[in-house]
Amino acid sequence: MSDKIEMTVTINPLVSPLLFERLSACTSARHRATILRSLAEATLRQELTGYARAPAQATTQAYSPPPAAAARTPAAVDNEGFQVLRVDDSGHESSGFGDELGGQLAGYFE
């Protein structure tokens, strides 16, 4: 067994904005690795001394799915004021609706 662990880590600014901001200030990959190691070590020290609660502790609880809701009857849906639509109800839409929507969205995917 090797005495080292090699990892490739992706830090996303949407998932970890503070970590991304801190690491993006580094000038080299070696500096980023040093900062990441020091942050991890500091967090582990805080957990061992009891100053911080480990983030993993919050996720180690057993998963229990929510209780299943009873299926509602169509009458219950009608009483709540919902309107049931059928596939053929969209016949009144203009035939070019899909083309117009596709044209508007095309700019986002280019």
N, C-alpha and C. Protein backbone atom coordinates (compact mmCIF):
# COMPACT_ATOMS: atom_id res chain seq x y z
N MET A 1 0.84 -1.18 0.00
CA MET A 1 0.00 0.00 0.00
C MET A 1 0.88 1.25 0.00
N SER A 2 0.46 2.24 -0.74
CA SER A 2 1.22 3.47 -0.88
C SER A 2 1.02 4.37 0.35
N ASP A 3 2.02 5.21 0.61
CA ASP A 3 1.94 6.14 1.73
C ASP A 3 1.36 7.49 1.34
N LYS A 4 0.76 7.55 0.18
CA LYS A 4 0.16 8.82 -0.24
C LYS A 4 -1.14 8.55 -0.99
N ILE A 5 -1.98 9.54 -1.01
CA ILE A 5 -3.26 9.48 -1.72
C ILE A 5 -3.22 10.55 -2.80
N GLU A 6 -3.45 10.14 -4.03
CA GLU A 6 -3.50 11.09 -5.13
C GLU A 6 -4.95 11.29 -5.53
N MET A 7 -5.33 12.54 -5.69
CA MET A 7 -6.72 12.86 -6.01
C MET A 7 -6.78 13.96 -7.07
N THR A 8 -7.84 13.93 -7.84
CA THR A 8 -8.17 15.04 -8.73
C THR A 8 -9.49 15.59 -8.22
N VAL A 9 -9.51 16.86 -7.89
CA VAL A 9 -10.68 17.48 -7.28
C VAL A 9 -11.16 18.62 -8.18
N THR A 10 -12.46 18.69 -8.38
CA THR A 10 -13.06 19.80 -9.13
C THR A 10 -13.82 20.67 -8.14
N ILE A 11 -13.46 21.93 -8.08
CA ILE A 11 -14.13 22.89 -7.20
C ILE A 11 -15.00 23.77 -8.08
N ASN A 12 -16.29 23.72 -7.85
CA ASN A 12 -17.27 24.44 -8.64
C ASN A 12 -17.69 25.70 -7.89
N PRO A 13 -17.71 26.87 -8.53
CA PRO A 13 -18.10 28.10 -7.83
C PRO A 13 -19.56 28.11 -7.41
N LEU A 14 -20.39 27.30 -8.03
CA LEU A 14 -21.79 27.24 -7.63
C LEU A 14 -21.99 26.38 -6.40
N VAL A 15 -21.19 25.33 -6.26
CA VAL A 15 -21.33 24.41 -5.13
C VAL A 15 -20.55 24.90 -3.91
N SER A 16 -19.34 25.39 -4.13
CA SER A 16 -18.48 25.84 -3.04
C SER A 16 -17.92 27.23 -3.35
N PRO A 17 -18.75 28.26 -3.27
CA PRO A 17 -18.29 29.59 -3.68
C PRO A 17 -17.15 30.14 -2.83
N LEU A 18 -17.17 29.92 -1.52
CA LEU A 18 -16.10 30.45 -0.67
C LEU A 18 -14.77 29.74 -0.95
N LEU A 19 -14.82 28.43 -1.08
CA LEU A 19 -13.60 27.68 -1.38
C LEU A 19 -13.07 28.03 -2.76
N PHE A 20 -13.97 28.17 -3.72
CA PHE A 20 -13.54 28.54 -5.07
C PHE A 20 -12.86 29.91 -5.07
N GLU A 21 -13.47 30.86 -4.35
CA GLU A 21 -12.89 32.21 -4.30
C GLU A 21 -11.51 32.19 -3.66
N ARG A 22 -11.37 31.42 -2.58
CA ARG A 22 -10.07 31.35 -1.88
C ARG A 22 -9.01 30.70 -2.76
N LEU A 23 -9.37 29.60 -3.42
CA LEU A 23 -8.38 28.89 -4.24
C LEU A 23 -8.07 29.63 -5.54
N SER A 24 -9.03 30.39 -6.06
CA SER A 24 -8.76 31.12 -7.30
C SER A 24 -7.78 32.28 -7.08
N ALA A 25 -7.60 32.68 -5.83
CA ALA A 25 -6.63 33.73 -5.53
C ALA A 25 -5.19 33.21 -5.55
N CYS A 26 -5.03 31.89 -5.59
CA CYS A 26 -3.68 31.29 -5.60
C CYS A 26 -3.05 31.46 -6.97
N THR A 27 -1.72 31.57 -6.97
CA THR A 27 -1.01 31.82 -8.22
C THR A 27 -0.55 30.55 -8.93
N SER A 28 -0.56 29.40 -8.24
CA SER A 28 -0.11 28.17 -8.88
C SER A 28 -0.89 26.97 -8.33
N ALA A 29 -0.80 25.87 -9.04
CA ALA A 29 -1.47 24.64 -8.61
C ALA A 29 -0.87 24.15 -7.29
N ARG A 30 0.42 24.31 -7.13
CA ARG A 30 1.08 23.89 -5.88
C ARG A 30 0.55 24.72 -4.70
N HIS A 31 0.37 26.00 -4.92
CA HIS A 31 -0.16 26.88 -3.87
C HIS A 31 -1.60 26.49 -3.53
N ARG A 32 -2.43 26.19 -4.56
CA ARG A 32 -3.80 25.74 -4.32
C ARG A 32 -3.82 24.46 -3.50
N ALA A 33 -2.95 23.52 -3.84
CA ALA A 33 -2.89 22.25 -3.10
C ALA A 33 -2.50 22.49 -1.64
N THR A 34 -1.56 23.39 -1.42
CA THR A 34 -1.13 23.70 -0.06
C THR A 34 -2.27 24.32 0.74
N ILE A 35 -2.98 25.24 0.14
CA ILE A 35 -4.11 25.89 0.82
C ILE A 35 -5.21 24.88 1.12
N LEU A 36 -5.53 24.02 0.15
CA LEU A 36 -6.58 23.02 0.35
C LEU A 36 -6.19 22.06 1.48
N ARG A 37 -4.94 21.62 1.51
CA ARG A 37 -4.47 20.74 2.59
C ARG A 37 -4.57 21.43 3.95
N SER A 38 -4.16 22.69 4.00
CA SER A 38 -4.18 23.40 5.29
C SER A 38 -5.62 23.62 5.77
N LEU A 39 -6.54 23.90 4.85
CA LEU A 39 -7.94 24.05 5.24
C LEU A 39 -8.52 22.74 5.76
N ALA A 40 -8.18 21.65 5.11
CA ALA A 40 -8.66 20.33 5.54
C ALA A 40 -8.08 19.97 6.91
N GLU A 41 -6.80 20.20 7.10
CA GLU A 41 -6.16 19.90 8.38
C GLU A 41 -6.76 20.75 9.50
N ALA A 42 -7.00 22.02 9.24
CA ALA A 42 -7.58 22.91 10.25
C ALA A 42 -8.98 22.43 10.64
N THR A 43 -9.76 22.00 9.67
CA THR A 43 -11.10 21.50 9.95
C THR A 43 -11.04 20.23 10.79
N LEU A 44 -10.12 19.33 10.45
CA LEU A 44 -9.97 18.10 11.23
C LEU A 44 -9.53 18.39 12.66
N ARG A 45 -8.63 19.35 12.84
CA ARG A 45 -8.20 19.72 14.19
C ARG A 45 -9.37 20.27 15.00
N GLN A 46 -10.20 21.10 14.37
CA GLN A 46 -11.37 21.66 15.07
C GLN A 46 -12.34 20.56 15.46
N GLU A 47 -12.53 19.57 14.60
CA GLU A 47 -13.43 18.46 14.92
C GLU A 47 -12.89 17.66 16.10
N LEU A 48 -11.58 17.43 16.12
CA LEU A 48 -10.98 16.64 17.19
C LEU A 48 -11.04 17.35 18.54
N THR A 49 -10.94 18.67 18.52
CA THR A 49 -10.98 19.43 19.77
C THR A 49 -12.39 19.80 20.18
N GLY A 50 -13.37 19.53 19.32
CA GLY A 50 -14.75 19.79 19.67
C GLY A 50 -15.22 21.19 19.39
N TYR A 51 -14.42 21.99 18.69
CA TYR A 51 -14.81 23.36 18.40
C TYR A 51 -15.77 23.48 17.24
N ALA A 52 -15.81 22.49 16.39
CA ALA A 52 -16.68 22.56 15.22
C ALA A 52 -17.37 21.23 15.03
N ARG A 53 -18.57 21.29 14.55
CA ARG A 53 -19.32 20.07 14.23
C ARG A 53 -18.96 19.64 12.82
N ALA A 54 -18.65 18.39 12.64
CA ALA A 54 -18.25 17.89 11.33
C ALA A 54 -19.42 17.92 10.37
N PRO A 55 -19.24 18.43 9.15
CA PRO A 55 -20.32 18.43 8.17
C PRO A 55 -20.82 17.02 7.86
N ALA A 56 -19.93 16.03 7.93
CA ALA A 56 -20.33 14.66 7.62
C ALA A 56 -21.31 14.12 8.65
N GLN A 57 -21.28 14.64 9.88
CA GLN A 57 -22.19 14.16 10.91
C GLN A 57 -23.64 14.45 10.55
N ALA A 58 -23.87 15.51 9.84
CA ALA A 58 -25.24 15.87 9.48
C ALA A 58 -25.81 14.93 8.44
N THR A 59 -24.95 14.31 7.65
CA THR A 59 -25.43 13.45 6.57
C THR A 59 -25.36 11.97 6.90
N THR A 60 -24.86 11.60 8.07
CA THR A 60 -24.73 10.19 8.39
C THR A 60 -25.99 9.60 8.99
N GLN A 61 -27.00 10.39 9.21
CA GLN A 61 -28.24 9.87 9.76
C GLN A 61 -28.91 8.98 8.73
N ALA A 62 -29.62 7.99 9.23
CA ALA A 62 -30.30 7.06 8.33
C ALA A 62 -31.37 7.79 7.53
N TYR A 63 -31.47 7.44 6.28
CA TYR A 63 -32.46 8.06 5.41
C TYR A 63 -33.81 7.40 5.65
N SER A 64 -34.81 8.20 5.86
CA SER A 64 -36.16 7.67 5.99
C SER A 64 -37.04 8.40 5.00
N PRO A 65 -37.60 7.67 4.03
CA PRO A 65 -38.42 8.32 3.02
C PRO A 65 -39.68 8.90 3.65
N PRO A 66 -40.22 9.95 3.06
CA PRO A 66 -41.45 10.54 3.59
C PRO A 66 -42.60 9.54 3.46
N PRO A 67 -43.57 9.62 4.35
CA PRO A 67 -44.69 8.68 4.26
C PRO A 67 -45.45 8.87 2.95
N ALA A 68 -45.90 7.75 2.42
CA ALA A 68 -46.62 7.78 1.15
C ALA A 68 -47.98 8.44 1.34
N ALA A 69 -48.30 9.36 0.46
CA ALA A 69 -49.59 10.03 0.52
C ALA A 69 -50.63 9.17 -0.19
N ALA A 70 -51.82 9.20 0.31
CA ALA A 70 -52.88 8.43 -0.32
C ALA A 70 -53.22 9.05 -1.66
N ALA A 71 -53.49 8.22 -2.64
CA ALA A 71 -53.85 8.71 -3.98
C ALA A 71 -55.20 9.41 -3.91
N ARG A 72 -55.28 10.54 -4.60
CA ARG A 72 -56.54 11.29 -4.59
C ARG A 72 -57.40 10.86 -5.76
N THR A 73 -58.64 10.90 -5.56
CA THR A 73 -59.58 10.55 -6.62
C THR A 73 -59.80 11.76 -7.51
N PRO A 74 -60.25 11.55 -8.76
CA PRO A 74 -60.54 12.70 -9.63
C PRO A 74 -61.56 13.66 -9.02
N ALA A 75 -62.48 13.15 -8.23
CA ALA A 75 -63.47 14.02 -7.60
C ALA A 75 -62.79 14.99 -6.64
N ALA A 76 -61.78 14.50 -5.92
CA ALA A 76 -61.07 15.36 -4.98
C ALA A 76 -60.33 16.47 -5.73
N VAL A 77 -59.79 16.14 -6.88
CA VAL A 77 -59.09 17.14 -7.69
C VAL A 77 -60.08 18.19 -8.18
N ASP A 78 -61.25 17.77 -8.63
CA ASP A 78 -62.26 18.71 -9.11
C ASP A 78 -62.71 19.63 -7.98
N ASN A 79 -62.81 19.12 -6.77
CA ASN A 79 -63.25 19.94 -5.65
C ASN A 79 -62.22 21.00 -5.29
N GLU A 80 -60.97 20.76 -5.61
CA GLU A 80 -59.92 21.73 -5.28
C GLU A 80 -59.80 22.83 -6.32
N GLY A 81 -60.56 22.77 -7.39
CA GLY A 81 -60.54 23.82 -8.38
C GLY A 81 -59.54 23.61 -9.50
N PHE A 82 -58.99 22.42 -9.63
CA PHE A 82 -58.07 22.15 -10.72
C PHE A 82 -58.84 21.73 -11.96
N GLN A 83 -58.30 22.05 -13.09
CA GLN A 83 -58.91 21.66 -14.35
C GLN A 83 -58.04 20.57 -14.97
N VAL A 84 -58.65 19.44 -15.30
CA VAL A 84 -57.93 18.34 -15.90
C VAL A 84 -57.83 18.60 -17.39
N LEU A 85 -56.61 18.57 -17.93
CA LEU A 85 -56.38 18.80 -19.35
C LEU A 85 -56.06 17.48 -20.03
N ARG A 86 -56.49 17.34 -21.23
CA ARG A 86 -56.20 16.15 -22.03
C ARG A 86 -55.19 16.54 -23.11
N VAL A 87 -54.59 15.56 -23.73
CA VAL A 87 -53.58 15.80 -24.75
C VAL A 87 -54.17 16.58 -25.92
N ASP A 88 -55.38 16.25 -26.31
CA ASP A 88 -55.98 16.92 -27.46
C ASP A 88 -56.50 18.32 -27.13
N ASP A 89 -56.40 18.76 -25.87
CA ASP A 89 -56.85 20.10 -25.51
C ASP A 89 -55.94 21.19 -26.07
N SER A 90 -54.74 20.83 -26.53
CA SER A 90 -53.82 21.84 -27.04
C SER A 90 -54.06 22.15 -28.51
N GLY A 91 -55.13 21.69 -29.10
CA GLY A 91 -55.42 21.92 -30.51
C GLY A 91 -55.68 23.37 -30.84
N HIS A 92 -56.05 24.16 -29.85
CA HIS A 92 -56.31 25.58 -30.11
C HIS A 92 -55.03 26.40 -30.19
N GLU A 93 -53.89 25.84 -29.81
CA GLU A 93 -52.62 26.55 -29.90
C GLU A 93 -52.25 26.74 -31.37
N SER A 94 -51.51 27.81 -31.64
CA SER A 94 -51.10 28.05 -33.02
C SER A 94 -50.10 26.99 -33.45
N SER A 95 -50.09 26.67 -34.73
CA SER A 95 -49.22 25.61 -35.22
C SER A 95 -47.75 26.01 -35.17
N GLY A 96 -47.45 27.28 -35.15
CA GLY A 96 -46.07 27.74 -35.13
C GLY A 96 -45.51 27.95 -33.73
N PHE A 97 -46.28 27.58 -32.72
CA PHE A 97 -45.84 27.80 -31.35
C PHE A 97 -44.50 27.12 -31.07
N GLY A 98 -44.36 25.86 -31.46
CA GLY A 98 -43.13 25.12 -31.23
C GLY A 98 -41.96 25.74 -31.97
N ASP A 99 -42.20 26.20 -33.21
CA ASP A 99 -41.14 26.83 -33.99
C ASP A 99 -40.69 28.15 -33.35
N GLU A 100 -41.66 28.92 -32.86
CA GLU A 100 -41.33 30.19 -32.22
C GLU A 100 -40.51 29.95 -30.95
N LEU A 101 -40.95 29.00 -30.16
CA LEU A 101 -40.24 28.69 -28.92
C LEU A 101 -38.84 28.18 -29.22
N GLY A 102 -38.72 27.32 -30.21
CA GLY A 102 -37.40 26.80 -30.60
C GLY A 102 -36.48 27.91 -31.07
N GLY A 103 -37.02 28.87 -31.80
CA GLY A 103 -36.22 30.00 -32.26
C GLY A 103 -35.74 30.86 -31.11
N GLN A 104 -36.59 31.06 -30.11
CA GLN A 104 -36.21 31.87 -28.96
C GLN A 104 -35.14 31.18 -28.12
N LEU A 105 -35.26 29.87 -27.99
CA LEU A 105 -34.31 29.12 -27.17
C LEU A 105 -33.00 28.83 -27.90
N ALA A 106 -33.00 28.93 -29.22
CA ALA A 106 -31.80 28.60 -30.00
C ALA A 106 -30.62 29.49 -29.61
N GLY A 107 -30.90 30.73 -29.25
CA GLY A 107 -29.83 31.64 -28.87
C GLY A 107 -29.11 31.21 -27.59
N TYR A 108 -29.80 30.51 -26.72
CA TYR A 108 -29.19 30.08 -25.47
C TYR A 108 -28.25 28.90 -25.66
N PHE A 109 -28.45 28.11 -26.69
CA PHE A 109 -27.67 26.89 -26.87
C PHE A 109 -26.52 27.05 -27.85
N GLU A 110 -26.30 28.23 -28.37
CA GLU A 110 -25.21 28.44 -29.32
C GLU A 110 -23.94 28.82 -28.60
